[in-house]
Amino acid sequence: MTSPQPLTDLMWAHWKTRTLLAAIELGLFAELVKGPLTVPEVRDRLGLHPRPVTDFLDALVALGLLRRHQDRYENAPEAAEYLDPGRPETYLGDSFITQCAGMGDDLTSVLRTGEALRGARDGRDFYAAVYHDEASVRAFQRDMTALSMGSARAIAEKFPWHEHRSLVDVGCAEGALAGRVLLRHPHLNAVGFDLPAARAGFESYTSQLGVADRTRFAAGDFFEDELPAADVLVFGHILHNWSEPRRIELLRKAHAALPPGGRVLVYETLIDDERRRNAVGMILSLIMHVEVPGGSDYTGAECERWLRLAGFDKIHVEHLDGPESMVVGVKSAA
């Protein structure tokens, strides 16, 4: 007899996510920033019914989002850092809501028709849709920060930044990667390269982090314009938006922009080479099909092959954080 646990785990994963989203929507984490509260205090401040509130709070304790000391509840360190709307440089709550609500409803249709959400035909249509007004741009930038935060911090620690002086974050969004790296390495300077509409968000975010004096924003289209020159070029969650020929084209442009000995760093939610273990990578690939026809996630081995075709060598794949990994290639001096 087999166990149904793999199936029931998925059911409970949905409810865990739903419990988190309810806490964000109710403003619980923001309220607890002010100080620990008892059950009656939470109930009164958030306008909750007395019957489910204790189970709700204790479920969040079991999920590691809250801590309980005697009869008082407080934010766990992760909730205090990432779910406090008063800390816009790290707040991820809005992104969790937009990413977890609604999009999955479209997957069945995409699997049947192959037609992407909002009728996008390629990555250009996708970006035209999400960059169409300031509110949409900022929401997208925050989503990219939510997706990149763990990797950005790991890259700041694991990559040999002491060997370099400058970096370009290609498709920088609001600058989470560049900002976190510069905070850790004060000798570095960074350029954020993205479509013009991303400028305001990038400049605001890097200013909040206190690294604006070592960053600048360069507006451009990475297919139409040359990439800015630097010691390291970074592509974070960029290649999966495009077809394989387009990915190789971008990597060749990176090779041209780098000096001898320069490095390209690609980080994504890489699918494991055997396509058996990293379910998040494969689910994100499904999401790309929902959003961008021709887009998909990929394995480290596939990325290594593209890097070699673009002229890079000394390539290695390294795990970063959670389901994310980076692939690094070097432009040889010869």
Protein backbone atom coordinates (compact mmCIF):
# COMPACT_ATOMS: atom_id res chain seq x y z
CA MET A 1 0.00 0.00 0.00
CA THR A 2 1.30 3.46 -0.89
CA SER A 3 0.82 6.56 1.24
CA PRO A 4 -1.30 9.47 0.01
CA GLN A 5 1.06 11.89 1.75
CA PRO A 6 2.66 13.32 -1.44
CA LEU A 7 -0.84 14.37 -2.50
CA THR A 8 -2.06 15.60 0.85
CA ASP A 9 1.17 17.57 1.33
CA LEU A 10 0.25 19.55 -1.78
CA MET A 11 -3.22 20.22 -0.44
CA TRP A 12 -1.80 21.51 2.85
CA ALA A 13 0.79 23.59 1.00
CA HIS A 14 -2.10 25.50 -0.53
CA TRP A 15 -3.59 26.13 2.90
CA LYS A 16 -0.25 27.22 4.35
CA THR A 17 0.02 29.80 1.58
CA ARG A 18 -3.57 30.89 2.10
CA THR A 19 -2.91 31.39 5.82
CA LEU A 20 0.11 33.58 5.06
CA LEU A 21 -1.85 35.66 2.56
CA ALA A 22 -4.69 36.17 5.06
CA ALA A 23 -2.23 37.47 7.64
CA ILE A 24 -0.76 39.91 5.11
CA GLU A 25 -4.18 41.08 3.92
CA LEU A 26 -5.36 41.62 7.50
CA GLY A 27 -2.29 43.67 8.37
CA LEU A 28 -1.24 41.34 11.18
CA PHE A 29 2.52 41.58 10.65
CA ALA A 30 2.35 45.37 10.37
CA GLU A 31 0.43 45.53 13.66
CA LEU A 32 2.91 43.29 15.44
CA VAL A 33 5.78 45.56 14.36
CA LYS A 34 4.49 47.94 17.03
CA GLY A 35 5.01 45.30 19.72
CA PRO A 36 3.83 41.87 20.98
CA LEU A 37 0.07 41.40 21.40
CA THR A 38 -2.27 39.02 23.19
CA VAL A 39 -5.09 37.19 21.42
CA PRO A 40 -7.75 39.71 22.58
CA GLU A 41 -5.54 42.60 21.47
CA VAL A 42 -5.04 41.09 18.01
CA ARG A 43 -8.75 40.38 17.75
CA ASP A 44 -9.73 43.93 18.67
CA ARG A 45 -7.14 45.73 16.55
CA LEU A 46 -7.80 43.69 13.40
CA GLY A 47 -11.53 43.24 13.89
CA LEU A 48 -11.41 39.44 13.98
CA HIS A 49 -14.05 37.02 15.23
CA PRO A 50 -13.07 35.46 18.59
CA ARG A 51 -13.70 31.85 17.55
CA PRO A 52 -10.92 31.25 14.92
CA VAL A 53 -8.35 33.82 16.00
CA THR A 54 -6.29 31.65 18.38
CA ASP A 55 -5.99 28.83 15.87
CA PHE A 56 -5.01 31.37 13.22
CA LEU A 57 -2.22 32.82 15.33
CA ASP A 58 -0.94 29.44 16.45
CA ALA A 59 -0.94 28.20 12.86
CA LEU A 60 1.35 31.10 12.02
CA VAL A 61 3.57 30.11 14.96
CA ALA A 62 3.77 26.55 13.58
CA LEU A 63 4.64 27.96 10.14
CA GLY A 64 7.55 29.86 11.69
CA LEU A 65 6.08 33.31 10.93
CA LEU A 66 5.18 34.27 14.50
CA ARG A 67 6.64 33.54 17.92
CA ARG A 68 4.59 33.10 21.08
CA HIS A 69 5.92 33.91 24.54
CA GLN A 70 3.41 33.00 27.25
CA ASP A 71 0.23 34.74 26.02
CA ARG A 72 1.79 37.26 23.64
CA TYR A 73 2.56 36.96 19.93
CA GLU A 74 5.33 38.70 17.98
CA ASN A 75 6.77 38.55 14.49
CA ALA A 76 9.45 35.95 13.83
CA PRO A 77 12.69 37.51 12.49
CA GLU A 78 11.86 36.60 8.88
CA ALA A 79 8.40 38.18 9.15
CA ALA A 80 9.87 41.26 10.79
CA GLU A 81 12.31 41.69 7.91
CA TYR A 82 10.20 40.77 4.88
CA LEU A 83 6.58 41.36 5.91
CA ASP A 84 6.79 44.81 7.48
CA PRO A 85 5.32 47.31 4.99
CA GLY A 86 7.20 50.04 6.83
CA ARG A 87 10.46 48.65 5.38
CA PRO A 88 9.95 49.11 1.62
CA GLU A 89 13.52 48.04 0.82
CA THR A 90 12.75 44.48 2.01
CA TYR A 91 8.92 44.22 2.08
CA LEU A 92 7.64 41.27 0.03
CA GLY A 93 4.00 41.06 1.13
CA ASP A 94 2.41 42.70 -1.91
CA SER A 95 4.44 40.48 -4.22
CA PHE A 96 3.32 37.34 -2.41
CA ILE A 97 -0.29 38.37 -2.90
CA THR A 98 0.07 39.09 -6.61
CA GLN A 99 2.15 35.99 -7.30
CA CYS A 100 -0.02 33.56 -5.33
CA ALA A 101 -3.49 34.76 -6.27
CA GLY A 102 -5.10 34.24 -9.64
CA MET A 103 -2.29 33.20 -11.99
CA GLY A 104 -2.70 29.50 -11.31
CA ASP A 105 -6.28 29.76 -12.53
CA ASP A 106 -4.91 30.37 -16.03
CA LEU A 107 -2.63 27.33 -16.16
CA THR A 108 -5.28 24.89 -17.37
CA SER A 109 -6.16 27.19 -20.24
CA VAL A 110 -2.50 27.64 -21.21
CA LEU A 111 -1.94 23.88 -21.16
CA ARG A 112 -4.88 23.45 -23.54
CA THR A 113 -4.29 26.38 -25.89
CA GLY A 114 -0.64 27.38 -25.57
CA GLU A 115 -1.78 30.99 -25.49
CA ALA A 116 -0.18 33.15 -22.83
CA LEU A 117 -1.83 35.37 -20.26
CA ARG A 118 -2.83 38.79 -21.64
CA GLY A 119 -2.26 37.51 -25.18
CA ALA A 120 1.50 38.07 -25.14
CA ARG A 121 3.24 36.67 -28.22
CA ASP A 122 6.79 37.03 -26.91
CA GLY A 123 8.88 38.72 -24.23
CA ARG A 124 8.46 42.14 -25.83
CA ASP A 125 4.68 41.93 -25.52
CA PHE A 126 5.04 40.81 -21.91
CA TYR A 127 7.26 43.75 -20.98
CA ALA A 128 5.07 46.20 -22.87
CA ALA A 129 2.15 45.02 -20.73
CA VAL A 130 3.91 45.18 -17.36
CA TYR A 131 5.71 48.47 -18.12
CA HIS A 132 2.65 50.29 -19.44
CA ASP A 133 2.22 52.61 -16.42
CA GLU A 134 4.06 53.57 -13.25
CA ALA A 135 1.96 51.46 -10.89
CA SER A 136 2.44 48.33 -13.00
CA VAL A 137 6.19 48.93 -13.30
CA ARG A 138 6.62 49.33 -9.55
CA ALA A 139 4.54 46.21 -8.83
CA PHE A 140 6.64 44.20 -11.27
CA GLN A 141 9.87 45.54 -9.78
CA ARG A 142 8.75 44.53 -6.28
CA ASP A 143 7.89 41.06 -7.58
CA MET A 144 11.38 40.73 -9.03
CA THR A 145 12.89 41.77 -5.69
CA ALA A 146 10.82 39.09 -3.96
CA LEU A 147 12.08 36.49 -6.42
CA SER A 148 15.71 37.66 -6.21
CA MET A 149 16.32 38.56 -2.56
CA GLY A 150 17.70 35.21 -1.40
CA SER A 151 19.91 34.85 -4.45
CA ALA A 152 21.15 38.44 -4.19
CA ARG A 153 22.37 37.90 -0.65
CA ALA A 154 23.97 34.57 -1.54
CA ILE A 155 25.71 36.06 -4.59
CA ALA A 156 27.05 38.88 -2.42
CA GLU A 157 28.74 36.21 -0.26
CA LYS A 158 29.73 33.48 -2.73
CA PHE A 159 30.99 35.31 -5.82
CA PRO A 160 34.64 36.54 -5.79
CA TRP A 161 33.78 40.24 -5.87
CA HIS A 162 37.18 41.12 -4.40
CA GLU A 163 38.65 40.37 -7.84
CA HIS A 164 36.47 42.99 -9.57
CA ARG A 165 35.59 46.66 -9.37
CA SER A 166 32.34 47.03 -11.31
CA LEU A 167 29.17 45.21 -12.32
CA VAL A 168 26.21 45.69 -14.61
CA ASP A 169 22.87 44.19 -13.60
CA VAL A 170 21.13 43.56 -16.93
CA GLY A 171 17.37 43.89 -16.50
CA CYS A 172 17.91 45.31 -13.03
CA ALA A 173 14.27 46.00 -12.01
CA GLU A 174 14.60 48.06 -8.81
CA GLY A 175 18.17 46.97 -8.11
CA ALA A 176 17.91 44.24 -5.48
CA LEU A 177 20.96 42.36 -6.77
CA ALA A 178 23.21 45.38 -7.25
CA GLY A 179 22.09 46.91 -3.97
CA ARG A 180 22.78 43.83 -1.87
CA VAL A 181 26.16 43.26 -3.48
CA LEU A 182 27.22 46.88 -2.95
CA LEU A 183 26.15 46.81 0.68
CA ARG A 184 28.49 43.87 1.24
CA HIS A 185 31.38 45.15 -0.92
CA PRO A 186 32.06 48.90 -0.53
CA HIS A 187 34.79 48.91 -3.21
CA LEU A 188 32.30 48.11 -6.00
CA ASN A 189 30.29 50.34 -8.32
CA ALA A 190 27.24 49.17 -10.24
CA VAL A 191 25.13 50.05 -13.26
CA GLY A 192 21.48 49.05 -13.49
CA PHE A 193 20.50 48.50 -17.13
CA ASP A 194 16.80 48.31 -17.95
CA LEU A 195 14.01 49.92 -19.95
CA PRO A 196 13.56 53.65 -19.22
CA ALA A 197 10.43 53.11 -17.12
CA ALA A 198 12.48 51.25 -14.51
CA ARG A 199 14.61 54.28 -13.63
CA ALA A 200 12.45 55.76 -10.85
CA GLY A 201 12.10 52.48 -8.99
CA PHE A 202 15.80 51.70 -9.28
CA GLU A 203 16.89 55.11 -8.04
CA SER A 204 14.40 55.04 -5.16
CA TYR A 205 15.37 51.55 -4.01
CA THR A 206 19.13 52.05 -4.18
CA SER A 207 18.71 55.34 -2.33
CA GLN A 208 16.78 53.58 0.45
CA LEU A 209 19.61 51.06 0.72
CA GLY A 210 22.18 53.84 0.96
CA VAL A 211 24.16 52.86 -2.15
CA ALA A 212 22.92 55.49 -4.61
CA ASP A 213 26.34 57.18 -4.66
CA ARG A 214 27.85 54.00 -6.16
CA THR A 215 25.12 53.19 -8.67
CA ARG A 216 23.78 54.70 -11.84
CA PHE A 217 20.89 53.75 -14.07
CA ALA A 218 21.43 53.22 -17.81
CA ALA A 219 18.29 53.11 -19.93
CA GLY A 220 18.18 50.80 -22.92
CA ASP A 221 16.83 47.74 -24.69
CA PHE A 222 19.24 44.83 -24.37
CA PHE A 223 18.41 43.56 -27.84
CA GLU A 224 18.61 46.96 -29.57
CA ASP A 225 21.47 48.57 -27.60
CA GLU A 226 24.98 47.58 -26.59
CA LEU A 227 25.34 46.42 -23.01
CA PRO A 228 27.31 48.72 -20.67
CA ALA A 229 30.87 47.61 -20.02
CA ALA A 230 31.94 46.29 -16.60
CA ASP A 231 34.06 43.58 -14.99
CA VAL A 232 30.95 41.44 -14.30
CA LEU A 233 27.64 41.28 -16.17
CA VAL A 234 24.69 39.75 -14.35
CA PHE A 235 21.52 38.26 -15.85
CA GLY A 236 19.05 37.51 -13.05
CA HIS A 237 15.75 35.89 -14.11
CA ILE A 238 16.23 37.30 -17.61
CA LEU A 239 17.13 34.44 -19.95
CA HIS A 240 14.03 32.42 -19.09
CA ASN A 241 11.86 35.09 -20.76
CA TRP A 242 13.27 34.33 -24.21
CA SER A 243 13.79 31.61 -26.77
CA GLU A 244 17.11 29.75 -26.92
CA PRO A 245 18.49 31.79 -29.88
CA ARG A 246 17.69 35.01 -28.03
CA ARG A 247 19.43 33.72 -24.90
CA ILE A 248 22.59 32.98 -26.84
CA GLU A 249 22.37 36.41 -28.49
CA LEU A 250 22.30 38.11 -25.08
CA LEU A 251 25.23 36.05 -23.81
CA ARG A 252 27.26 36.95 -26.90
CA LYS A 253 26.53 40.62 -26.28
CA ALA A 254 27.73 40.14 -22.70
CA HIS A 255 30.92 38.53 -23.97
CA ALA A 256 31.54 41.55 -26.22
CA ALA A 257 30.99 44.00 -23.34
CA LEU A 258 33.36 42.28 -20.90
CA PRO A 259 37.12 42.78 -20.66
CA PRO A 260 39.45 39.74 -20.80
CA GLY A 261 39.07 37.95 -17.48
CA GLY A 262 35.61 39.41 -16.97
CA ARG A 263 32.75 37.20 -15.85
CA VAL A 264 29.13 36.70 -16.75
CA LEU A 265 26.83 35.54 -13.95
CA VAL A 266 23.45 34.01 -14.74
CA TYR A 267 21.12 33.19 -11.86
CA GLU A 268 17.75 31.50 -12.16
CA THR A 269 15.59 28.88 -10.54
CA LEU A 270 17.54 26.24 -12.44
CA ILE A 271 15.93 22.90 -13.19
CA ASP A 272 18.12 20.00 -12.08
CA ASP A 273 19.87 18.30 -14.99
CA GLU A 274 17.84 15.08 -14.56
CA ARG A 275 14.56 17.06 -14.34
CA ARG A 276 13.45 15.07 -11.31
CA ARG A 277 14.04 17.10 -8.13
CA ASN A 278 13.62 20.88 -8.40
CA ALA A 279 9.85 21.09 -8.66
CA VAL A 280 9.95 24.86 -8.12
CA GLY A 281 12.13 25.27 -11.20
CA MET A 282 9.69 23.30 -13.30
CA ILE A 283 6.68 25.10 -11.83
CA LEU A 284 8.33 28.45 -12.60
CA SER A 285 8.86 27.19 -16.14
CA LEU A 286 5.11 26.56 -16.32
CA ILE A 287 4.53 30.11 -15.10
CA MET A 288 6.73 31.38 -17.90
CA HIS A 289 4.52 29.54 -20.38
CA VAL A 290 1.55 31.33 -18.80
CA GLU A 291 3.23 34.70 -19.25
CA VAL A 292 5.58 34.47 -22.23
CA PRO A 293 5.36 32.11 -25.23
CA GLY A 294 8.87 30.87 -25.95
CA GLY A 295 9.97 31.46 -22.38
CA SER A 296 10.87 28.61 -20.03
CA ASP A 297 13.30 27.71 -17.31
CA TYR A 298 16.26 25.44 -18.00
CA THR A 299 19.00 23.29 -16.55
CA GLY A 300 22.53 24.23 -15.57
CA ALA A 301 23.87 21.99 -18.34
CA GLU A 302 21.79 23.84 -20.95
CA CYS A 303 23.05 27.20 -19.70
CA GLU A 304 26.63 25.94 -19.76
CA ARG A 305 26.21 24.96 -23.41
CA TRP A 306 24.88 28.43 -24.31
CA LEU A 307 27.76 30.10 -22.47
CA ARG A 308 30.29 28.03 -24.43
CA LEU A 309 28.57 28.94 -27.69
CA ALA A 310 28.86 32.60 -26.66
CA GLY A 311 32.61 32.24 -26.10
CA PHE A 312 32.90 31.72 -22.34
CA ASP A 313 34.96 29.08 -20.57
CA LYS A 314 35.84 28.04 -16.98
CA ILE A 315 32.10 27.63 -16.45
CA HIS A 316 30.68 26.37 -13.17
CA VAL A 317 27.25 25.96 -11.60
CA GLU A 318 26.76 26.74 -7.92
CA HIS A 319 23.72 26.58 -5.64
CA LEU A 320 22.64 29.88 -4.09
CA ASP A 321 19.52 29.82 -1.92
CA GLY A 322 16.40 27.67 -1.91
CA PRO A 323 15.72 26.49 -5.47
CA GLU A 324 18.06 29.07 -7.04
CA SER A 325 21.52 28.59 -8.55
CA MET A 326 24.01 30.60 -10.57
CA VAL A 327 26.05 29.74 -13.64
CA VAL A 328 29.31 31.68 -14.04
CA GLY A 329 31.51 31.90 -17.13
CA VAL A 330 34.82 33.67 -17.76
CA LYS A 331 35.92 35.55 -20.86
CA SER A 332 39.40 34.21 -21.49
CA ALA A 333 42.36 36.55 -21.81
CA ALA A 334 43.44 34.99 -25.11
